[in-house]
Amino acid sequence: MDLEKRPLTAPQAQPQPQPQPQPQAEGCLAVAIRIPVRIVVLVLVVPVRLVWDALAVCGRFVYFRGLRPVGRALAWLGRTLIVTPLAWLIEYVITPVALGVTYATVWLLKAVFVWPWVALWRYVVVPVGNGLGWLGRVLVVIPAMWLYASVLTPIGHAIAWLARGIAAGAAVAGRGIGAVLVWLLKAVFVWPWVGLWRYVVVPVGKGLAWLGRVLIVVPAVWLYASVLTPIGHAIAWLARGVGAGIAWTARGIGTVLAALGRWIFVVPAVALWRWVLAPIGRGIAVVVREIGAAFGHAWRIAGYVSLAVGRFLGRLLRWLFVDPVRWVYRTVLTPVGHAVRDGVWRPTARAVKDAGRATRQALAAARRSVREARADVRRMLFGAPKEQVPAGAVPREPVPVPVARREPDTAEARTLGSSTTALTKD
């Protein structure tokens, strides 16, 4: 027993079916022109559909029974006469010739351009360069290193020590002379200009700045605030009034022109569209739609008619050609074929097989007899071949030939295979 309360699941809302659009009522024009148009279109379309279906059947027959086999034959012929010989020619003639020409050309180019330069570099330039390097090292590098280490280095050290002493004395003298020159240059070039700037230029500049502010800046500020600003405000107020008047006049003229344009152009155009062009367009649309629907119905009806005609023609051809041929095949040709097969073909084939088997057996027996005779002749002339004993194997002892008990133990008779001479003994 389940003691826990399970939450109640809300019932799923069933999807409401969408309302089907109500068929629109058709006008009297559509009903009036539908039947005549369909009759006329049916009369015009049925022959076209019959011709179309006949052409389609003929085209399929020509394609599947004529063009496709011819295309396959042409493809096989082209592959046999062109592609295969061309591939063989490329693989076994052109490719080897091209490889041979390429190898010969590469070998010739190497012999003309590469190998001479390699030999020149290896056997002329490298030995000459090694000799020149050794000669330069012996005649130039070693003497130069000795001169640098034994002569130039001590002289350089002495010159450096002398230069350091001279530089120390010159530095002491230079510091004193420099202090004197600095004081002299300041007294001649710096201090006069500093005094001129501090005691002449700065006071004169301050006076000119006060004079400019009193004579130019203060009158200009008063002129802008007391004269130019009121004049600008008056001009702006006058311009706003003139602009408002011009805008009001333009608005009135625009309203009048819009009303005139609407009543002269828009209202007649809307009336022409609503009461003339739209009804004519709807009528033309109804006529075109009915003609299209009539063509569709006529094409489907013509398809049924064409199918019925095709079935009738197929049944007629079957009655006239297929059924008689099938009856002749089943009733006449099949029994005759079975009789020929059972009475002529199978006995003949069996006799031919027996004759072939007997011939093969006779030939096999003859070949076996010839091989045995050839082996006997070879054995009589040259003796039996020796049995080859593998290296390291222990030779087997000869097995004595059993002798019949009732016959006397006498010497073996001389035969063609035996010999008493030393040259022919085994």
Protein backbone atom coordinates (compact mmCIF):
# COMPACT_ATOMS: atom_id res chain seq x y z
CA MET A 1 0.00 0.00 0.00
CA ASP A 2 1.43 3.32 -1.06
CA LEU A 3 1.24 5.74 1.93
CA GLU A 4 2.84 8.66 0.14
CA LYS A 5 0.64 11.16 -1.61
CA ARG A 6 1.56 11.59 -5.19
CA PRO A 7 1.14 14.98 -6.78
CA LEU A 8 -1.87 15.21 -8.95
CA THR A 9 -0.88 15.64 -12.57
CA ALA A 10 -2.79 18.21 -14.46
CA PRO A 11 -4.69 16.74 -17.41
CA GLN A 12 -2.91 17.41 -20.65
CA ALA A 13 -4.69 19.85 -22.86
CA GLN A 14 -5.93 18.25 -26.04
CA PRO A 15 -4.75 20.07 -29.16
CA GLN A 16 -7.65 21.85 -30.70
CA PRO A 17 -8.12 21.09 -34.36
CA GLN A 18 -7.43 24.02 -36.57
CA PRO A 19 -10.49 25.34 -38.32
CA GLN A 20 -10.55 24.36 -41.96
CA PRO A 21 -10.75 27.26 -44.34
CA GLN A 22 -14.21 27.61 -45.77
CA PRO A 23 -14.33 27.23 -49.53
CA GLN A 24 -14.93 30.53 -51.17
CA ALA A 25 -18.03 30.92 -53.21
CA GLU A 26 -17.38 30.95 -56.94
CA GLY A 27 -18.82 33.58 -59.15
CA CYS A 28 -21.18 33.08 -62.06
CA LEU A 29 -18.37 33.83 -64.53
CA ALA A 30 -16.32 30.82 -63.32
CA VAL A 31 -19.36 28.50 -63.50
CA ALA A 32 -20.30 29.82 -66.95
CA ILE A 33 -16.91 29.36 -68.60
CA ARG A 34 -15.78 26.15 -66.81
CA ILE A 35 -17.62 23.47 -68.84
CA PRO A 36 -17.03 24.96 -72.35
CA VAL A 37 -13.38 25.61 -71.60
CA ARG A 38 -12.87 22.07 -70.28
CA ILE A 39 -14.57 20.55 -73.33
CA VAL A 40 -12.45 22.59 -75.76
CA VAL A 41 -9.23 21.92 -73.87
CA LEU A 42 -10.04 18.18 -73.65
CA VAL A 43 -10.56 18.03 -77.41
CA LEU A 44 -7.24 19.82 -77.94
CA VAL A 45 -5.18 17.99 -75.30
CA VAL A 46 -6.19 14.33 -75.86
CA PRO A 47 -4.41 14.00 -79.27
CA VAL A 48 -1.37 15.80 -77.89
CA ARG A 49 -1.25 13.43 -74.89
CA LEU A 50 -1.65 10.37 -77.13
CA VAL A 51 1.17 11.57 -79.40
CA TRP A 52 3.29 12.39 -76.35
CA ASP A 53 2.80 8.94 -74.79
CA ALA A 54 3.50 7.24 -78.12
CA LEU A 55 6.69 9.25 -78.55
CA ALA A 56 7.70 8.44 -74.95
CA VAL A 57 7.18 4.69 -75.53
CA CYS A 58 9.07 4.83 -78.83
CA GLY A 59 11.86 6.83 -77.21
CA ARG A 60 12.21 4.34 -74.34
CA PHE A 61 12.20 1.42 -76.79
CA VAL A 62 14.82 3.09 -79.01
CA TYR A 63 16.94 3.97 -75.98
CA PHE A 64 16.83 0.58 -74.25
CA ARG A 65 16.84 -1.58 -77.41
CA GLY A 66 18.92 0.51 -79.78
CA LEU A 67 21.00 3.32 -78.37
CA ARG A 68 22.19 1.57 -75.20
CA PRO A 69 23.40 -1.65 -76.98
CA VAL A 70 24.94 0.44 -79.75
CA GLY A 71 26.64 2.62 -77.16
CA ARG A 72 27.95 -0.42 -75.29
CA ALA A 73 29.19 -1.94 -78.56
CA LEU A 74 30.87 1.32 -79.55
CA ALA A 75 32.40 1.60 -76.07
CA TRP A 76 33.72 -1.98 -76.28
CA LEU A 77 34.97 -1.36 -79.82
CA GLY A 78 36.69 1.86 -78.81
CA ARG A 79 38.16 0.22 -75.73
CA THR A 80 39.37 -2.75 -77.81
CA LEU A 81 40.66 -0.82 -80.82
CA ILE A 82 41.87 2.42 -79.26
CA VAL A 83 42.20 2.38 -75.47
CA THR A 84 43.80 -1.05 -75.02
CA PRO A 85 46.35 -0.67 -77.89
CA LEU A 86 47.09 2.88 -76.79
CA ALA A 87 47.59 1.76 -73.17
CA TRP A 88 49.82 -1.12 -74.36
CA LEU A 89 51.75 1.27 -76.60
CA ILE A 90 52.20 3.74 -73.75
CA GLU A 91 53.18 1.05 -71.23
CA TYR A 92 55.50 -1.09 -73.35
CA VAL A 93 56.79 1.31 -76.04
CA ILE A 94 56.48 4.99 -75.21
CA THR A 95 57.30 4.66 -71.50
CA PRO A 96 60.48 2.55 -72.01
CA VAL A 97 61.59 4.79 -74.89
CA ALA A 98 60.92 7.91 -72.81
CA LEU A 99 62.77 6.43 -69.84
CA GLY A 100 65.69 5.48 -72.08
CA VAL A 101 65.79 8.92 -73.67
CA THR A 102 65.54 10.52 -70.21
CA TYR A 103 68.35 8.40 -68.79
CA ALA A 104 70.51 9.03 -71.87
CA THR A 105 69.81 12.79 -71.73
CA VAL A 106 70.58 12.92 -68.00
CA TRP A 107 73.80 10.93 -68.51
CA LEU A 108 74.81 13.18 -71.43
CA LEU A 109 74.07 16.35 -69.46
CA LYS A 110 76.05 15.03 -66.49
CA ALA A 111 78.91 14.06 -68.79
CA VAL A 112 78.93 17.50 -70.45
CA PHE A 113 78.10 19.86 -67.58
CA VAL A 114 78.52 18.11 -64.20
CA TRP A 115 81.33 15.60 -64.29
CA PRO A 116 83.97 17.94 -65.89
CA TRP A 117 83.33 20.59 -63.23
CA VAL A 118 83.33 17.97 -60.46
CA ALA A 119 86.63 16.58 -61.74
CA LEU A 120 88.05 20.10 -62.11
CA TRP A 121 86.98 20.95 -58.55
CA ARG A 122 88.15 17.65 -57.06
CA TYR A 123 91.47 17.20 -58.88
CA VAL A 124 92.56 20.80 -59.70
CA VAL A 125 90.90 23.48 -57.56
CA VAL A 126 90.98 21.61 -54.23
CA PRO A 127 94.69 20.55 -54.48
CA VAL A 128 95.73 24.01 -55.71
CA GLY A 129 93.69 25.65 -52.91
CA ASN A 130 95.26 23.34 -50.31
CA GLY A 131 98.76 24.19 -51.63
CA LEU A 132 98.06 27.92 -51.68
CA GLY A 133 96.62 27.70 -48.15
CA TRP A 134 99.72 25.89 -46.87
CA LEU A 135 101.99 28.38 -48.68
CA GLY A 136 100.08 31.37 -47.28
CA ARG A 137 100.15 29.92 -43.78
CA VAL A 138 103.94 29.33 -44.01
CA LEU A 139 104.86 32.63 -45.73
CA VAL A 140 102.30 35.05 -44.27
CA VAL A 141 100.40 33.80 -41.21
CA ILE A 142 103.28 32.36 -39.17
CA PRO A 143 105.63 35.40 -39.76
CA ALA A 144 102.76 37.79 -39.03
CA MET A 145 101.93 36.00 -35.77
CA TRP A 146 105.61 36.08 -34.74
CA LEU A 147 105.88 39.80 -35.64
CA TYR A 148 102.68 40.56 -33.67
CA ALA A 149 103.72 38.58 -30.60
CA SER A 150 107.43 39.53 -30.48
CA VAL A 151 107.60 43.09 -31.86
CA LEU A 152 104.26 44.87 -32.10
CA THR A 153 102.89 43.80 -28.69
CA PRO A 154 105.89 45.17 -26.66
CA ILE A 155 105.93 48.38 -28.72
CA GLY A 156 102.17 48.79 -28.17
CA HIS A 157 102.53 48.25 -24.42
CA ALA A 158 105.27 50.92 -24.25
CA ILE A 159 103.22 53.40 -26.28
CA ALA A 160 100.18 52.76 -24.06
CA TRP A 161 102.21 53.35 -20.86
CA LEU A 162 103.63 56.61 -22.30
CA ALA A 163 100.16 57.71 -23.45
CA ARG A 164 98.68 57.07 -19.99
CA GLY A 165 101.35 59.28 -18.38
CA ILE A 166 100.86 62.08 -20.91
CA ALA A 167 97.07 61.81 -20.52
CA ALA A 168 97.32 62.12 -16.72
CA GLY A 169 99.41 65.33 -16.99
CA ALA A 170 97.16 66.75 -19.69
CA ALA A 171 94.09 66.02 -17.53
CA VAL A 172 95.49 68.01 -14.58
CA ALA A 173 96.39 70.96 -16.84
CA GLY A 174 93.08 70.72 -18.68
CA ARG A 175 91.01 70.94 -15.49
CA GLY A 176 92.69 74.25 -14.53
CA ILE A 177 92.45 75.72 -18.02
CA GLY A 178 88.83 74.57 -18.26
CA ALA A 179 87.83 76.33 -15.04
CA VAL A 180 89.38 79.59 -16.29
CA LEU A 181 87.72 79.29 -19.70
CA VAL A 182 84.31 78.55 -18.14
CA TRP A 183 84.49 81.63 -15.90
CA LEU A 184 85.62 83.79 -18.84
CA LEU A 185 82.82 82.54 -21.13
CA LYS A 186 80.18 83.14 -18.44
CA ALA A 187 81.48 86.68 -17.88
CA VAL A 188 81.44 87.45 -21.62
CA PHE A 189 78.32 85.64 -22.92
CA VAL A 190 75.95 84.61 -20.06
CA TRP A 191 75.88 87.25 -17.34
CA PRO A 192 75.25 90.30 -19.67
CA TRP A 193 72.21 88.60 -21.28
CA VAL A 194 70.82 87.52 -17.91
CA GLY A 195 71.04 91.10 -16.63
CA LEU A 196 69.46 92.45 -19.83
CA TRP A 197 66.52 89.99 -19.54
CA ARG A 198 65.96 90.54 -15.81
CA TYR A 199 66.32 94.36 -15.60
CA VAL A 200 65.20 95.57 -19.09
CA VAL A 201 63.04 93.09 -21.06
CA VAL A 202 60.80 91.89 -18.18
CA PRO A 203 59.79 95.41 -16.90
CA VAL A 204 59.17 96.67 -20.48
CA GLY A 205 57.00 93.58 -21.23
CA LYS A 206 54.90 94.06 -18.12
CA GLY A 207 54.26 97.73 -19.05
CA LEU A 208 53.28 96.83 -22.63
CA ALA A 209 50.90 94.11 -21.33
CA TRP A 210 49.15 96.57 -18.95
CA LEU A 211 48.88 99.16 -21.74
CA GLY A 212 47.36 96.59 -24.17
CA ARG A 213 44.80 95.42 -21.61
CA VAL A 214 43.73 99.00 -20.83
CA LEU A 215 43.64 100.24 -24.45
CA ILE A 216 42.38 97.11 -26.34
CA VAL A 217 40.87 94.32 -24.19
CA VAL A 218 38.65 96.41 -21.87
CA PRO A 219 37.08 98.51 -24.72
CA ALA A 220 36.55 95.34 -26.83
CA VAL A 221 34.74 93.56 -23.99
CA TRP A 222 32.52 96.60 -23.35
CA LEU A 223 31.73 96.90 -27.11
CA TYR A 224 30.73 93.18 -27.33
CA ALA A 225 28.59 93.23 -24.18
CA SER A 226 26.86 96.61 -24.65
CA VAL A 227 26.53 97.01 -28.45
CA LEU A 228 27.01 93.80 -30.49
CA THR A 229 24.98 91.47 -28.23
CA PRO A 230 21.74 93.61 -28.27
CA ILE A 231 22.06 94.11 -32.04
CA GLY A 232 22.45 90.31 -32.54
CA HIS A 233 19.43 89.57 -30.36
CA ALA A 234 17.32 92.02 -32.38
CA ILE A 235 18.44 90.48 -35.70
CA ALA A 236 17.67 86.94 -34.40
CA TRP A 237 14.15 87.99 -33.25
CA LEU A 238 13.46 89.58 -36.64
CA ALA A 239 14.74 86.46 -38.47
CA ARG A 240 12.50 84.19 -36.36
CA GLY A 241 9.47 86.29 -37.20
CA VAL A 242 10.27 86.30 -40.93
CA GLY A 243 10.94 82.53 -40.86
CA ALA A 244 7.63 81.84 -39.09
CA GLY A 245 5.76 83.90 -41.70
CA ILE A 246 7.50 82.12 -44.57
CA ALA A 247 6.82 78.69 -42.97
CA TRP A 248 3.12 79.51 -42.46
CA THR A 249 2.82 80.68 -46.08
CA ALA A 250 4.64 77.58 -47.39
CA ARG A 251 2.45 75.31 -45.23
CA GLY A 252 -0.70 76.85 -46.62
CA ILE A 253 0.58 76.62 -50.21
CA GLY A 254 1.64 72.97 -49.60
CA THR A 255 -1.80 72.08 -48.19
CA VAL A 256 -3.53 73.61 -51.20
CA LEU A 257 -1.19 71.85 -53.67
CA ALA A 258 -1.60 68.51 -51.84
CA ALA A 259 -5.38 68.81 -51.96
CA LEU A 260 -5.28 69.72 -55.67
CA GLY A 261 -2.88 66.82 -56.43
CA ARG A 262 -5.02 64.36 -54.46
CA TRP A 263 -8.25 65.34 -56.22
CA ILE A 264 -6.60 65.61 -59.64
CA PHE A 265 -4.37 62.47 -59.65
CA VAL A 266 -4.84 60.16 -56.63
CA VAL A 267 -8.64 60.00 -56.38
CA PRO A 268 -9.14 59.28 -60.14
CA ALA A 269 -6.32 56.69 -60.10
CA VAL A 270 -7.80 54.95 -57.04
CA ALA A 271 -11.26 54.96 -58.60
CA LEU A 272 -9.86 53.60 -61.89
CA TRP A 273 -8.01 50.83 -60.02
CA ARG A 274 -10.93 49.98 -57.71
CA TRP A 275 -13.82 50.09 -60.18
CA VAL A 276 -12.14 49.22 -63.53
CA LEU A 277 -8.74 47.51 -63.33
CA ALA A 278 -9.39 45.31 -60.27
CA PRO A 279 -12.65 43.78 -61.66
CA ILE A 280 -11.00 43.23 -65.05
CA GLY A 281 -7.97 41.63 -63.34
CA ARG A 282 -10.19 39.38 -61.24
CA GLY A 283 -12.07 38.30 -64.35
CA ILE A 284 -8.83 37.60 -66.21
CA ALA A 285 -7.53 35.69 -63.18
CA VAL A 286 -10.73 33.59 -63.10
CA VAL A 287 -10.42 32.86 -66.82
CA VAL A 288 -6.72 31.97 -66.54
CA ARG A 289 -7.34 29.81 -63.46
CA GLU A 290 -10.17 27.95 -65.14
CA ILE A 291 -8.11 27.45 -68.28
CA GLY A 292 -5.21 26.10 -66.18
CA ALA A 293 -7.54 23.80 -64.22
CA ALA A 294 -9.11 22.68 -67.50
CA PHE A 295 -5.68 21.89 -68.91
CA GLY A 296 -4.85 19.89 -65.77
CA HIS A 297 -8.12 17.91 -65.90
CA ALA A 298 -7.74 17.39 -69.64
CA TRP A 299 -4.15 16.19 -69.24
CA ARG A 300 -5.16 13.69 -66.56
CA ILE A 301 -8.15 12.48 -68.60
CA ALA A 302 -5.89 12.22 -71.65
CA GLY A 303 -3.50 10.15 -69.54
CA TYR A 304 -6.31 7.73 -68.66
CA VAL A 305 -7.38 7.61 -72.31
CA SER A 306 -3.80 7.03 -73.43
CA LEU A 307 -3.41 4.28 -70.81
CA ALA A 308 -6.59 2.60 -72.00
CA VAL A 309 -5.52 2.85 -75.65
CA GLY A 310 -2.07 1.51 -74.78
CA ARG A 311 -3.56 -1.41 -72.87
CA PHE A 312 -5.91 -2.16 -75.76
CA LEU A 313 -3.05 -2.08 -78.27
CA GLY A 314 -0.89 -4.22 -75.96
CA ARG A 315 -3.70 -6.77 -75.53
CA LEU A 316 -4.32 -6.75 -79.29
CA LEU A 317 -0.61 -7.35 -80.02
CA ARG A 318 -0.62 -10.10 -77.41
CA TRP A 319 -3.63 -11.77 -79.03
CA LEU A 320 -2.19 -11.43 -82.54
CA PHE A 321 1.50 -12.22 -81.96
CA VAL A 322 2.51 -13.22 -78.42
CA ASP A 323 -0.14 -15.87 -77.68
CA PRO A 324 0.26 -17.66 -81.07
CA VAL A 325 4.04 -17.65 -80.72
CA ARG A 326 3.76 -18.92 -77.13
CA TRP A 327 1.29 -21.63 -78.22
CA VAL A 328 3.60 -22.71 -81.06
CA TYR A 329 6.57 -22.74 -78.66
CA ARG A 330 4.76 -24.76 -75.99
CA THR A 331 2.79 -27.08 -78.27
CA VAL A 332 5.16 -27.67 -81.19
CA LEU A 333 8.72 -26.53 -80.57
CA THR A 334 9.03 -27.80 -76.98
CA PRO A 335 7.94 -31.41 -77.76
CA VAL A 336 10.07 -31.44 -80.92
CA GLY A 337 13.04 -30.10 -78.95
CA HIS A 338 12.54 -32.68 -76.21
CA ALA A 339 12.29 -35.48 -78.80
CA VAL A 340 15.44 -34.27 -80.57
CA ARG A 341 17.24 -33.94 -77.24
CA ASP A 342 16.19 -37.39 -75.97
CA GLY A 343 16.38 -39.26 -79.27
CA VAL A 344 19.30 -37.62 -81.10
CA TRP A 345 21.37 -35.22 -79.03
CA ARG A 346 21.83 -37.22 -75.83
CA PRO A 347 22.65 -40.57 -77.58
CA THR A 348 25.04 -38.77 -79.91
CA ALA A 349 26.69 -36.97 -77.01
CA ARG A 350 26.90 -40.21 -75.03
CA ALA A 351 28.45 -42.04 -78.01
CA VAL A 352 30.92 -39.19 -78.56
CA LYS A 353 31.85 -39.24 -74.86
CA ASP A 354 32.31 -43.05 -74.93
CA ALA A 355 34.42 -42.82 -78.09
CA GLY A 356 36.51 -40.06 -76.56
CA ARG A 357 36.95 -42.01 -73.34
CA ALA A 358 37.98 -45.15 -75.29
CA THR A 359 40.37 -43.10 -77.43
CA ARG A 360 41.94 -41.51 -74.35
CA GLN A 361 42.31 -44.92 -72.69
CA ALA A 362 43.89 -46.38 -75.85
CA LEU A 363 46.28 -43.44 -76.13
CA ALA A 364 47.17 -43.75 -72.42
CA ALA A 365 47.81 -47.49 -72.82
CA ALA A 366 49.94 -46.85 -75.92
CA ARG A 367 51.94 -44.14 -74.10
CA ARG A 368 52.40 -46.48 -71.12
CA SER A 369 53.58 -49.31 -73.44
CA VAL A 370 56.00 -46.98 -75.21
CA ARG A 371 57.41 -45.77 -71.89
CA GLU A 372 57.83 -49.35 -70.63
CA ALA A 373 59.49 -50.45 -73.90
CA ARG A 374 61.83 -47.45 -73.79
CA ALA A 375 62.71 -48.26 -70.16
CA ASP A 376 63.36 -51.93 -71.04
CA VAL A 377 65.61 -50.97 -73.96
CA ARG A 378 67.56 -48.52 -71.76
CA ARG A 379 67.87 -51.14 -69.03
CA MET A 380 69.10 -53.76 -71.55
CA LEU A 381 71.64 -51.39 -73.10
CA PHE A 382 72.95 -49.51 -70.06
CA GLY A 383 71.78 -51.52 -67.09
CA ALA A 384 69.58 -50.54 -64.19
CA PRO A 385 70.30 -47.09 -62.73
CA LYS A 386 72.16 -46.97 -59.43
CA GLU A 387 70.23 -45.97 -56.37
CA GLN A 388 71.52 -42.66 -55.01
CA VAL A 389 72.59 -42.88 -51.37
CA PRO A 390 72.43 -39.56 -49.45
CA ALA A 391 75.63 -38.28 -47.83
CA GLY A 392 76.16 -39.59 -44.31
CA ALA A 393 73.65 -42.45 -44.70
CA VAL A 394 74.64 -46.03 -43.97
CA PRO A 395 74.44 -48.15 -47.13
CA ARG A 396 71.92 -50.90 -46.90
CA GLU A 397 72.95 -54.49 -47.21
CA PRO A 398 71.75 -56.31 -50.30
CA VAL A 399 68.63 -58.34 -49.74
CA PRO A 400 69.01 -61.93 -50.94
CA VAL A 401 66.57 -63.03 -53.60
CA PRO A 402 64.39 -65.86 -52.40
CA VAL A 403 64.92 -69.06 -54.37
CA ALA A 404 62.22 -71.61 -54.99
CA ARG A 405 62.67 -74.73 -52.91
CA ARG A 406 61.94 -77.20 -55.68
CA GLU A 407 64.45 -75.67 -58.18
CA PRO A 408 68.16 -76.51 -57.90
CA ASP A 409 70.60 -73.77 -56.77
CA THR A 410 72.56 -73.26 -59.99
CA ALA A 411 74.43 -70.36 -61.48
CA GLU A 412 72.32 -67.56 -62.98
CA ALA A 413 71.95 -67.77 -66.70
CA ARG A 414 73.50 -65.12 -68.88
CA THR A 415 71.04 -62.50 -70.13
CA LEU A 416 71.17 -59.34 -72.23
CA GLY A 417 71.32 -57.22 -69.08
CA SER A 418 74.33 -59.05 -67.63
CA SER A 419 77.92 -58.62 -68.78
CA THR A 420 81.25 -60.35 -68.17
CA THR A 421 83.53 -57.59 -69.38
CA ALA A 422 85.20 -55.08 -67.09
CA LEU A 423 84.07 -52.07 -69.13
CA THR A 424 80.35 -52.76 -68.87
CA LYS A 425 80.15 -54.09 -65.32
CA ASP A 426 78.42 -51.95 -62.75
